[in-house]
Amino acid sequence: MAKSYEGICQLCGKWEILTVDHIPQKSLYPKTYRSTITKFNTIKACSDCNNGASEDDELFKIIVGNIAHTSWNGKLWESTQSS
């Protein structure tokens, strides 16, 4: 379970219990590629902001998946089809 603590959410500015939010979301990368990344960019966000952005994250993944030119483009395309 992820550690959580009180502080100011970097997305909404409220004093809340904070969690770690990945920017961009980890699901943008295929699982096989994620294991090669040692550190993802993260911010401190409240659970509402962290979980509430999931629809926007999925939309972003679909857009990027359709135009991406990466070595894992095929896997990203497959992932967007299930979104």
C-alpha atoms as a PDB file:
ATOM      1  CA  MET A   1       0.000   0.000   0.000  1.00  0.00           C
ATOM      2  CA  ALA A   2       1.281   3.462  -0.914  1.00  0.00           C
ATOM      3  CA  LYS A   3       2.270   5.850   1.843  1.00  0.00           C
ATOM      4  CA  SER A   4      -0.059   8.759   2.375  1.00  0.00           C
ATOM      5  CA  TYR A   5       0.269  11.912   4.449  1.00  0.00           C
ATOM      6  CA  GLU A   6      -1.392  15.315   4.870  1.00  0.00           C
ATOM      7  CA  GLY A   7      -0.361  18.268   2.759  1.00  0.00           C
ATOM      8  CA  ILE A   8      -1.376  20.593  -0.052  1.00  0.00           C
ATOM      9  CA  CYS A   9      -2.588  18.903  -3.243  1.00  0.00           C
ATOM     10  CA  GLN A  10      -0.492  20.083  -6.192  1.00  0.00           C
ATOM     11  CA  LEU A  11      -3.528  19.914  -8.479  1.00  0.00           C
ATOM     12  CA  CYS A  12      -6.374  21.559  -6.534  1.00  0.00           C
ATOM     13  CA  GLY A  13      -4.483  23.337  -3.718  1.00  0.00           C
ATOM     14  CA  LYS A  14      -6.598  21.859  -0.885  1.00  0.00           C
ATOM     15  CA  TRP A  15      -5.120  20.568   2.374  1.00  0.00           C
ATOM     16  CA  GLU A  16      -5.872  16.836   2.160  1.00  0.00           C
ATOM     17  CA  ILE A  17      -4.468  13.359   2.649  1.00  0.00           C
ATOM     18  CA  LEU A  18      -2.080  13.044  -0.314  1.00  0.00           C
ATOM     19  CA  THR A  19      -1.139  10.181  -2.592  1.00  0.00           C
ATOM     20  CA  VAL A  20       1.391   9.905  -5.413  1.00  0.00           C
ATOM     21  CA  ASP A  21       0.066  10.607  -8.916  1.00  0.00           C
ATOM     22  CA  HIS A  22       2.132   9.666 -11.971  1.00  0.00           C
ATOM     23  CA  ILE A  23       2.503  12.297 -14.714  1.00  0.00           C
ATOM     24  CA  PRO A  24       2.032  11.055 -17.405  1.00  0.00           C
ATOM     25  CA  GLN A  25       0.093   8.048 -16.185  1.00  0.00           C
ATOM     26  CA  LYS A  26       1.977   4.743 -16.078  1.00  0.00           C
ATOM     27  CA  SER A  27      -0.703   3.037 -18.170  1.00  0.00           C
ATOM     28  CA  LEU A  28       0.518   5.076 -21.141  1.00  0.00           C
ATOM     29  CA  TYR A  29       3.531   2.752 -21.266  1.00  0.00           C
ATOM     30  CA  PRO A  30       3.288  -1.002 -21.962  1.00  0.00           C
ATOM     31  CA  LYS A  31       4.047  -3.133 -18.890  1.00  0.00           C
ATOM     32  CA  THR A  32       7.199  -4.539 -20.502  1.00  0.00           C
ATOM     33  CA  TYR A  33       8.535  -1.009 -21.043  1.00  0.00           C
ATOM     34  CA  ARG A  34       7.525   0.235 -17.564  1.00  0.00           C
ATOM     35  CA  SER A  35       9.940  -2.207 -15.952  1.00  0.00           C
ATOM     36  CA  THR A  36      12.868  -0.471 -17.700  1.00  0.00           C
ATOM     37  CA  ILE A  37      11.980   2.974 -16.332  1.00  0.00           C
ATOM     38  CA  THR A  38      13.625   3.528 -12.976  1.00  0.00           C
ATOM     39  CA  LYS A  39      11.756   6.672 -11.975  1.00  0.00           C
ATOM     40  CA  PHE A  40       8.460   8.136 -13.191  1.00  0.00           C
ATOM     41  CA  ASN A  41       7.542  11.797 -12.745  1.00  0.00           C
ATOM     42  CA  THR A  42       5.174  12.126  -9.796  1.00  0.00           C
ATOM     43  CA  ILE A  43       3.260  14.810  -7.949  1.00  0.00           C
ATOM     44  CA  LYS A  44       1.505  14.870  -4.591  1.00  0.00           C
ATOM     45  CA  ALA A  45      -2.251  14.829  -5.148  1.00  0.00           C
ATOM     46  CA  CYS A  46      -5.361  14.208  -3.071  1.00  0.00           C
ATOM     47  CA  SER A  47      -7.291  11.044  -3.829  1.00  0.00           C
ATOM     48  CA  ASP A  48     -10.108  12.999  -5.533  1.00  0.00           C
ATOM     49  CA  CYS A  49      -7.685  14.577  -8.019  1.00  0.00           C
ATOM     50  CA  ASN A  50      -5.644  11.412  -8.444  1.00  0.00           C
ATOM     51  CA  ASN A  51      -8.668   9.203  -9.107  1.00  0.00           C
ATOM     52  CA  GLY A  52     -10.835  11.865 -10.725  1.00  0.00           C
ATOM     53  CA  ALA A  53      -8.387  12.407 -13.562  1.00  0.00           C
ATOM     54  CA  SER A  54      -8.711   8.819 -14.771  1.00  0.00           C
ATOM     55  CA  GLU A  55     -11.237   9.714 -17.507  1.00  0.00           C
ATOM     56  CA  ASP A  56      -8.971  12.503 -18.763  1.00  0.00           C
ATOM     57  CA  ASP A  57      -6.004  10.124 -18.551  1.00  0.00           C
ATOM     58  CA  GLU A  58      -7.804   7.550 -20.676  1.00  0.00           C
ATOM     59  CA  LEU A  59      -8.759  10.182 -23.265  1.00  0.00           C
ATOM     60  CA  PHE A  60      -5.148  11.358 -23.361  1.00  0.00           C
ATOM     61  CA  LYS A  61      -3.967   7.764 -23.810  1.00  0.00           C
ATOM     62  CA  ILE A  62      -6.368   7.255 -26.720  1.00  0.00           C
ATOM     63  CA  ILE A  63      -5.222  10.431 -28.470  1.00  0.00           C
ATOM     64  CA  VAL A  64      -1.529   9.707 -27.967  1.00  0.00           C
ATOM     65  CA  GLY A  65      -2.040   6.042 -28.862  1.00  0.00           C
ATOM     66  CA  ASN A  66      -3.489   7.002 -32.205  1.00  0.00           C
ATOM     67  CA  ILE A  67      -0.692   9.396 -33.180  1.00  0.00           C
ATOM     68  CA  ALA A  68       2.348   8.020 -31.338  1.00  0.00           C
ATOM     69  CA  HIS A  69       5.477   7.081 -33.216  1.00  0.00           C
ATOM     70  CA  THR A  70       7.239   4.932 -30.658  1.00  0.00           C
ATOM     71  CA  SER A  71       8.853   1.538 -30.610  1.00  0.00           C
ATOM     72  CA  TRP A  72       5.832   0.265 -28.625  1.00  0.00           C
ATOM     73  CA  ASN A  73       3.207   1.973 -30.828  1.00  0.00           C
ATOM     74  CA  GLY A  74       1.457  -1.335 -31.597  1.00  0.00           C
ATOM     75  CA  LYS A  75       1.081  -2.216 -27.922  1.00  0.00           C
ATOM     76  CA  LEU A  76      -0.144   1.287 -27.097  1.00  0.00           C
ATOM     77  CA  TRP A  77      -2.714   1.050 -29.914  1.00  0.00           C
ATOM     78  CA  GLU A  78      -3.963  -2.296 -28.523  1.00  0.00           C
ATOM     79  CA  SER A  79      -4.247  -0.745 -25.051  1.00  0.00           C
ATOM     80  CA  THR A  80      -6.358   2.148 -26.347  1.00  0.00           C
ATOM     81  CA  GLN A  81      -8.817  -0.264 -27.960  1.00  0.00           C
ATOM     82  CA  SER A  82      -9.856  -1.524 -24.519  1.00  0.00           C
ATOM     83  CA  SER A  83     -10.397   2.023 -23.155  1.00  0.00           C
END
